[in-house]
Structure formats: C-alpha cells, structure tokens
C-alpha cells in the first residue's frame, strides 16, 4: 500500500480511539462496553484473523504443484 493509505488508516484509527475514550465511554450496557477501545481492538484483531485465515486457506487448498495437471 502507498504511504498515504497508511497515514489515512492511522488517522482513522486514532479518531476511533479518541471517540471510544470520550463519547462512548459512559455507555456500559454490556461487559465489553466497559473496556476502553474494545471495538477498535476487536475489529483490528478480527481483521488480522480474517487475513491470516484466508492466506492459510489459499496456501493449503488453492495452491498446487507446478506439475499438478500433468
């Protein structure tokens, strides 16, 4: 990715963290809402899990040897 994409992603992440600590911090209807920045961290971790699981599936199932069809 280009550097500008990483900068924009970082800005969005920082804005999300600030909103979690300021606006959404007082709303505790579930136990996970009491954890600061839970949704930002959870979304980031699940995004990484999705990427790595897709890579694992691609390596194990989709990739074949060069002489597979011979």
PDB file of N, CA and C in Angstrom:
ATOM      1  N   UNK A   1       0.844  -1.182   0.000  1.00  0.00           N
ATOM      2  CA  UNK A   1       0.000   0.000   0.000  1.00  0.00           C
ATOM      3  C   UNK A   1       0.884   1.237   0.000  1.00  0.00           C
ATOM      4  N   UNK A   2       0.341   2.261  -0.537  1.00  0.00           N
ATOM      5  CA  UNK A   2       1.075   3.512  -0.569  1.00  0.00           C
ATOM      6  C   UNK A   2       1.117   4.131   0.818  1.00  0.00           C
ATOM      7  N   UNK A   3       2.056   5.014   0.999  1.00  0.00           N
ATOM      8  CA  UNK A   3       2.231   5.663   2.297  1.00  0.00           C
ATOM      9  C   UNK A   3       1.000   6.461   2.692  1.00  0.00           C
ATOM     10  N   UNK A   4       0.347   7.087   1.741  1.00  0.00           N
ATOM     11  CA  UNK A   4      -0.833   7.898   2.059  1.00  0.00           C
ATOM     12  C   UNK A   4      -1.959   7.028   2.619  1.00  0.00           C
ATOM     13  N   UNK A   5      -2.063   5.785   2.141  1.00  0.00           N
ATOM     14  CA  UNK A   5      -3.088   4.876   2.665  1.00  0.00           C
ATOM     15  C   UNK A   5      -2.830   4.553   4.133  1.00  0.00           C
ATOM     16  N   UNK A   6      -1.563   4.329   4.481  1.00  0.00           N
ATOM     17  CA  UNK A   6      -1.221   4.043   5.877  1.00  0.00           C
ATOM     18  C   UNK A   6      -1.461   5.258   6.764  1.00  0.00           C
ATOM     19  N   UNK A   7      -1.192   6.431   6.236  1.00  0.00           N
ATOM     20  CA  UNK A   7      -1.437   7.657   7.003  1.00  0.00           C
ATOM     21  C   UNK A   7      -2.930   7.827   7.259  1.00  0.00           C
ATOM     22  N   UNK A   8      -3.743   7.624   6.240  1.00  0.00           N
ATOM     23  CA  UNK A   8      -5.200   7.737   6.397  1.00  0.00           C
ATOM     24  C   UNK A   8      -5.716   6.676   7.364  1.00  0.00           C
ATOM     25  N   UNK A   9      -5.206   5.452   7.259  1.00  0.00           N
ATOM     26  CA  UNK A   9      -5.607   4.389   8.175  1.00  0.00           C
ATOM     27  C   UNK A   9      -5.231   4.731   9.614  1.00  0.00           C
ATOM     28  N   UNK A  10      -4.052   5.283   9.813  1.00  0.00           N
ATOM     29  CA  UNK A  10      -3.625   5.690  11.151  1.00  0.00           C
ATOM     30  C   UNK A  10      -4.485   6.799  11.717  1.00  0.00           C
ATOM     31  N   UNK A  11      -4.853   7.764  10.883  1.00  0.00           N
ATOM     32  CA  UNK A  11      -5.716   8.863  11.332  1.00  0.00           C
ATOM     33  C   UNK A  11      -7.089   8.333  11.732  1.00  0.00           C
ATOM     34  N   UNK A  12      -7.652   7.442  10.933  1.00  0.00           N
ATOM     35  CA  UNK A  12      -8.954   6.855  11.262  1.00  0.00           C
ATOM     36  C   UNK A  12      -8.873   6.060  12.560  1.00  0.00           C
ATOM     37  N   UNK A  13      -7.784   5.331  12.756  1.00  0.00           N
ATOM     38  CA  UNK A  13      -7.605   4.555  13.981  1.00  0.00           C
ATOM     39  C   UNK A  13      -7.515   5.458  15.204  1.00  0.00           C
ATOM     40  N   UNK A  14      -6.772   6.552  15.093  1.00  0.00           N
ATOM     41  CA  UNK A  14      -6.644   7.490  16.217  1.00  0.00           C
ATOM     42  C   UNK A  14      -7.988   8.150  16.520  1.00  0.00           C
ATOM     43  N   UNK A  15      -8.727   8.537  15.489  1.00  0.00           N
ATOM     44  CA  UNK A  15     -10.052   9.136  15.700  1.00  0.00           C
ATOM     45  C   UNK A  15     -10.977   8.140  16.396  1.00  0.00           C
ATOM     46  N   UNK A  16     -10.916   6.877  15.982  1.00  0.00           N
ATOM     47  CA  UNK A  16     -11.738   5.849  16.619  1.00  0.00           C
ATOM     48  C   UNK A  16     -11.383   5.682  18.089  1.00  0.00           C
ATOM     49  N   UNK A  17     -10.094   5.685  18.393  1.00  0.00           N
ATOM     50  CA  UNK A  17      -9.680   5.566  19.790  1.00  0.00           C
ATOM     51  C   UNK A  17     -10.140   6.754  20.620  1.00  0.00           C
ATOM     52  N   UNK A  18     -10.029   7.956  20.066  1.00  0.00           N
ATOM     53  CA  UNK A  18     -10.466   9.150  20.796  1.00  0.00           C
ATOM     54  C   UNK A  18     -11.967   9.091  21.049  1.00  0.00           C
ATOM     55  N   UNK A  19     -12.744   8.688  20.055  1.00  0.00           N
ATOM     56  CA  UNK A  19     -14.188   8.569  20.239  1.00  0.00           C
ATOM     57  C   UNK A  19     -14.539   7.513  21.280  1.00  0.00           C
ATOM     58  N   UNK A  20     -13.806   6.416  21.291  1.00  0.00           N
ATOM     59  CA  UNK A  20     -14.067   5.374  22.287  1.00  0.00           C
ATOM     60  C   UNK A  20     -13.832   5.887  23.702  1.00  0.00           C
ATOM     61  N   UNK A  21     -12.780   6.678  23.896  1.00  0.00           N
ATOM     62  CA  UNK A  21     -12.465   7.167  25.237  1.00  0.00           C
ATOM     63  C   UNK A  21     -13.353   8.324  25.664  1.00  0.00           C
ATOM     64  N   UNK A  22     -13.911   9.080  24.722  1.00  0.00           N
ATOM     65  CA  UNK A  22     -14.678  10.269  25.095  1.00  0.00           C
ATOM     66  C   UNK A  22     -16.182  10.059  24.976  1.00  0.00           C
ATOM     67  N   UNK A  23     -16.664   9.755  23.802  1.00  0.00           N
ATOM     68  CA  UNK A  23     -18.105   9.717  23.547  1.00  0.00           C
ATOM     69  C   UNK A  23     -18.741   8.431  24.068  1.00  0.00           C
ATOM     70  N   UNK A  24     -18.144   7.296  23.772  1.00  0.00           N
ATOM     71  CA  UNK A  24     -18.770   6.014  24.073  1.00  0.00           C
ATOM     72  C   UNK A  24     -18.370   5.434  25.425  1.00  0.00           C
ATOM     73  N   UNK A  25     -17.556   6.124  26.195  1.00  0.00           N
ATOM     74  CA  UNK A  25     -17.044   5.571  27.452  1.00  0.00           C
ATOM     75  C   UNK A  25     -18.127   5.446  28.520  1.00  0.00           C
ATOM     76  N   UNK A  26     -19.162   6.262  28.493  1.00  0.00           N
ATOM     77  CA  UNK A  26     -20.178   6.220  29.529  1.00  0.00           C
ATOM     78  C   UNK A  26     -21.279   5.210  29.296  1.00  0.00           C
ATOM     79  N   UNK A  27     -21.300   4.555  28.168  1.00  0.00           N
ATOM     80  CA  UNK A  27     -22.374   3.625  27.819  1.00  0.00           C
ATOM     81  C   UNK A  27     -21.930   2.204  28.150  1.00  0.00           C
ATOM     82  N   UNK A  28     -22.417   1.645  29.270  1.00  0.00           N
ATOM     83  CA  UNK A  28     -21.987   0.321  29.718  1.00  0.00           C
ATOM     84  C   UNK A  28     -23.168  -0.636  29.854  1.00  0.00           C
ATOM     85  N   UNK A  29     -23.796  -0.997  28.754  1.00  0.00           N
ATOM     86  CA  UNK A  29     -24.907  -1.937  28.848  1.00  0.00           C
ATOM     87  C   UNK A  29     -24.427  -3.386  28.813  1.00  0.00           C
ATOM     88  N   UNK A  30     -23.224  -3.637  28.313  1.00  0.00           N
ATOM     89  CA  UNK A  30     -22.631  -4.970  28.278  1.00  0.00           C
ATOM     90  C   UNK A  30     -21.241  -4.899  28.895  1.00  0.00           C
ATOM     91  N   UNK A  31     -20.696  -6.037  29.270  1.00  0.00           N
ATOM     92  CA  UNK A  31     -19.388  -6.043  29.925  1.00  0.00           C
ATOM     93  C   UNK A  31     -18.287  -5.553  29.004  1.00  0.00           C
ATOM     94  N   UNK A  32     -18.405  -5.820  27.698  1.00  0.00           N
ATOM     95  CA  UNK A  32     -17.350  -5.403  26.786  1.00  0.00           C
ATOM     96  C   UNK A  32     -17.382  -3.904  26.512  1.00  0.00           C
ATOM     97  N   UNK A  33     -18.484  -3.250  26.792  1.00  0.00           N
ATOM     98  CA  UNK A  33     -18.529  -1.797  26.630  1.00  0.00           C
ATOM     99  C   UNK A  33     -17.744  -1.078  27.715  1.00  0.00           C
ATOM    100  N   UNK A  34     -17.430  -1.756  28.807  1.00  0.00           N
ATOM    101  CA  UNK A  34     -16.640  -1.147  29.873  1.00  0.00           C
ATOM    102  C   UNK A  34     -15.150  -1.147  29.553  1.00  0.00           C
ATOM    103  N   UNK A  35     -14.736  -1.913  28.557  1.00  0.00           N
ATOM    104  CA  UNK A  35     -13.326  -1.964  28.169  1.00  0.00           C
ATOM    105  C   UNK A  35     -13.059  -0.827  27.186  1.00  0.00           C
ATOM    106  N   UNK A  36     -12.105   0.059  27.498  1.00  0.00           N
ATOM    107  CA  UNK A  36     -11.808   1.169  26.587  1.00  0.00           C
ATOM    108  C   UNK A  36     -11.291   0.658  25.237  1.00  0.00           C
ATOM    109  N   UNK A  37     -11.803   1.206  24.170  1.00  0.00           N
ATOM    110  CA  UNK A  37     -11.398   0.904  22.793  1.00  0.00           C
ATOM    111  C   UNK A  37     -11.616  -0.561  22.427  1.00  0.00           C
ATOM    112  N   UNK A  38     -12.607  -1.205  23.020  1.00  0.00           N
ATOM    113  CA  UNK A  38     -12.843  -2.626  22.752  1.00  0.00           C
ATOM    114  C   UNK A  38     -13.172  -2.868  21.284  1.00  0.00           C
ATOM    115  N   UNK A  39     -14.061  -2.081  20.723  1.00  0.00           N
ATOM    116  CA  UNK A  39     -14.490  -2.318  19.344  1.00  0.00           C
ATOM    117  C   UNK A  39     -13.372  -2.038  18.343  1.00  0.00           C
ATOM    118  N   UNK A  40     -12.533  -1.065  18.625  1.00  0.00           N
ATOM    119  CA  UNK A  40     -11.403  -0.794  17.739  1.00  0.00           C
ATOM    120  C   UNK A  40     -10.408  -1.948  17.776  1.00  0.00           C
ATOM    121  N   UNK A  41     -10.094  -2.420  18.960  1.00  0.00           N
ATOM    122  CA  UNK A  41      -9.152  -3.529  19.104  1.00  0.00           C
ATOM    123  C   UNK A  41      -9.754  -4.817  18.556  1.00  0.00           C
ATOM    124  N   UNK A  42     -11.015  -5.084  18.867  1.00  0.00           N
ATOM    125  CA  UNK A  42     -11.682  -6.288  18.379  1.00  0.00           C
ATOM    126  C   UNK A  42     -11.745  -6.300  16.851  1.00  0.00           C
ATOM    127  N   UNK A  43     -12.093  -5.172  16.257  1.00  0.00           N
ATOM    128  CA  UNK A  43     -12.145  -5.091  14.802  1.00  0.00           C
ATOM    129  C   UNK A  43     -10.790  -5.308  14.165  1.00  0.00           C
ATOM    130  N   UNK A  44      -9.746  -4.740  14.769  1.00  0.00           N
ATOM    131  CA  UNK A  44      -8.392  -4.905  14.245  1.00  0.00           C
ATOM    132  C   UNK A  44      -7.945  -6.358  14.345  1.00  0.00           C
ATOM    133  N   UNK A  45      -8.181  -6.991  15.476  1.00  0.00           N
ATOM    134  CA  UNK A  45      -7.777  -8.389  15.663  1.00  0.00           C
ATOM    135  C   UNK A  45      -8.552  -9.309  14.723  1.00  0.00           C
ATOM    136  N   UNK A  46      -9.846  -9.084  14.567  1.00  0.00           N
ATOM    137  CA  UNK A  46     -10.636  -9.930  13.674  1.00  0.00           C
ATOM    138  C   UNK A  46     -10.255  -9.716  12.209  1.00  0.00           C
ATOM    139  N   UNK A  47      -9.863  -8.508  11.860  1.00  0.00           N
ATOM    140  CA  UNK A  47      -9.383  -8.242  10.501  1.00  0.00           C
ATOM    141  C   UNK A  47      -8.099  -9.023  10.240  1.00  0.00           C
ATOM    142  N   UNK A  48      -7.188  -9.010  11.213  1.00  0.00           N
ATOM    143  CA  UNK A  48      -5.963  -9.795  11.075  1.00  0.00           C
ATOM    144  C   UNK A  48      -6.271 -11.288  10.992  1.00  0.00           C
ATOM    145  N   UNK A  49      -7.210 -11.759  11.799  1.00  0.00           N
ATOM    146  CA  UNK A  49      -7.585 -13.173  11.760  1.00  0.00           C
ATOM    147  C   UNK A  49      -8.167 -13.549  10.400  1.00  0.00           C
ATOM    148  N   UNK A  50      -8.972 -12.679   9.829  1.00  0.00           N
ATOM    149  CA  UNK A  50      -9.548 -12.938   8.513  1.00  0.00           C
ATOM    150  C   UNK A  50      -8.466 -13.000   7.442  1.00  0.00           C
ATOM    151  N   UNK A  51      -7.515 -12.091   7.504  1.00  0.00           N
ATOM    152  CA  UNK A  51      -6.431 -12.069   6.518  1.00  0.00           C
ATOM    153  C   UNK A  51      -5.584 -13.330   6.616  1.00  0.00           C
ATOM    154  N   UNK A  52      -5.172 -13.692   7.844  1.00  0.00           N
ATOM    155  CA  UNK A  52      -4.306 -14.855   8.002  1.00  0.00           C
ATOM    156  C   UNK A  52      -5.038 -16.164   7.708  1.00  0.00           C
ATOM    157  N   UNK A  53      -6.312 -16.244   8.036  1.00  0.00           N
ATOM    158  CA  UNK A  53      -7.053 -17.461   7.700  1.00  0.00           C
ATOM    159  C   UNK A  53      -7.248 -17.581   6.193  1.00  0.00           C
ATOM    160  N   UNK A  54      -7.450 -16.476   5.505  1.00  0.00           N
ATOM    161  CA  UNK A  54      -7.566 -16.525   4.047  1.00  0.00           C
ATOM    162  C   UNK A  54      -6.244 -16.946   3.412  1.00  0.00           C
ATOM    163  N   UNK A  55      -5.130 -16.463   3.960  1.00  0.00           N
ATOM    164  CA  UNK A  55      -3.824 -16.884   3.447  1.00  0.00           C
ATOM    165  C   UNK A  55      -3.596 -18.369   3.696  1.00  0.00           C
ATOM    166  N   UNK A  56      -3.995 -18.845   4.855  1.00  0.00           N
ATOM    167  CA  UNK A  56      -3.831 -20.259   5.173  1.00  0.00           C
ATOM    168  C   UNK A  56      -4.661 -21.127   4.238  1.00  0.00           C
ATOM    169  N   UNK A  57      -5.891 -20.733   3.996  1.00  0.00           N
ATOM    170  CA  UNK A  57      -6.748 -21.485   3.080  1.00  0.00           C
ATOM    171  C   UNK A  57      -6.167 -21.466   1.675  1.00  0.00           C
ATOM    172  N   UNK A  58      -5.663 -20.325   1.252  1.00  0.00           N
ATOM    173  CA  UNK A  58      -5.088 -20.221  -0.087  1.00  0.00           C
ATOM    174  C   UNK A  58      -3.849 -21.095  -0.219  1.00  0.00           C
ATOM    175  N   UNK A  59      -3.028 -21.155   0.821  1.00  0.00           N
ATOM    176  CA  UNK A  59      -1.819 -21.973   0.743  1.00  0.00           C
ATOM    177  C   UNK A  59      -2.136 -23.460   0.778  1.00  0.00           C
ATOM    178  N   UNK A  60      -3.061 -23.873   1.620  1.00  0.00           N
ATOM    179  CA  UNK A  60      -3.339 -25.298   1.802  1.00  0.00           C
ATOM    180  C   UNK A  60      -4.231 -25.879   0.706  1.00  0.00           C
ATOM    181  N   UNK A  61      -5.193 -25.128   0.242  1.00  0.00           N
ATOM    182  CA  UNK A  61      -6.197 -25.684  -0.668  1.00  0.00           C
ATOM    183  C   UNK A  61      -5.982 -25.251  -2.116  1.00  0.00           C
ATOM    184  N   UNK A  62      -5.756 -23.976  -2.323  1.00  0.00           N
ATOM    185  CA  UNK A  62      -5.739 -23.468  -3.692  1.00  0.00           C
ATOM    186  C   UNK A  62      -4.412 -23.663  -4.409  1.00  0.00           C
ATOM    187  N   UNK A  63      -3.303 -23.567  -3.699  1.00  0.00           N
ATOM    188  CA  UNK A  63      -2.001 -23.722  -4.349  1.00  0.00           C
ATOM    189  C   UNK A  63      -1.734 -25.189  -4.643  1.00  0.00           C
ATOM    190  N   UNK A  64      -1.283 -25.463  -5.840  1.00  0.00           N
ATOM    191  CA  UNK A  64      -0.933 -26.819  -6.251  1.00  0.00           C
ATOM    192  C   UNK A  64       0.487 -26.801  -6.807  1.00  0.00           C
ATOM    193  N   UNK A  65       1.067 -27.994  -6.934  1.00  0.00           N
ATOM    194  CA  UNK A  65       2.393 -28.099  -7.524  1.00  0.00           C
ATOM    195  C   UNK A  65       2.364 -27.654  -8.980  1.00  0.00           C
ATOM    196  N   UNK A  66       3.547 -27.375  -9.492  1.00  0.00           N
ATOM    197  CA  UNK A  66       3.651 -26.937 -10.890  1.00  0.00           C
ATOM    198  C   UNK A  66       3.185 -28.048 -11.830  1.00  0.00           C
ATOM    199  N   UNK A  67       3.487 -29.290 -11.514  1.00  0.00           N
ATOM    200  CA  UNK A  67       3.141 -30.434 -12.367  1.00  0.00           C
ATOM    201  C   UNK A  67       1.836 -31.102 -11.939  1.00  0.00           C
ATOM    202  N   UNK A  68       0.954 -30.401 -11.306  1.00  0.00           N
ATOM    203  CA  UNK A  68      -0.284 -30.987 -10.781  1.00  0.00           C
ATOM    204  C   UNK A  68      -1.175 -31.535 -11.894  1.00  0.00           C
ATOM    205  N   UNK A  69      -1.279 -30.826 -13.003  1.00  0.00           N
ATOM    206  CA  UNK A  69      -2.183 -31.240 -14.077  1.00  0.00           C
ATOM    207  C   UNK A  69      -1.504 -32.106 -15.132  1.00  0.00           C
ATOM    208  N   UNK A  70      -0.243 -32.438 -14.956  1.00  0.00           N
ATOM    209  CA  UNK A  70       0.458 -33.276 -15.946  1.00  0.00           C
ATOM    210  C   UNK A  70       0.228 -34.737 -15.713  1.00  0.00           C
TER     211      UNK A  70
END
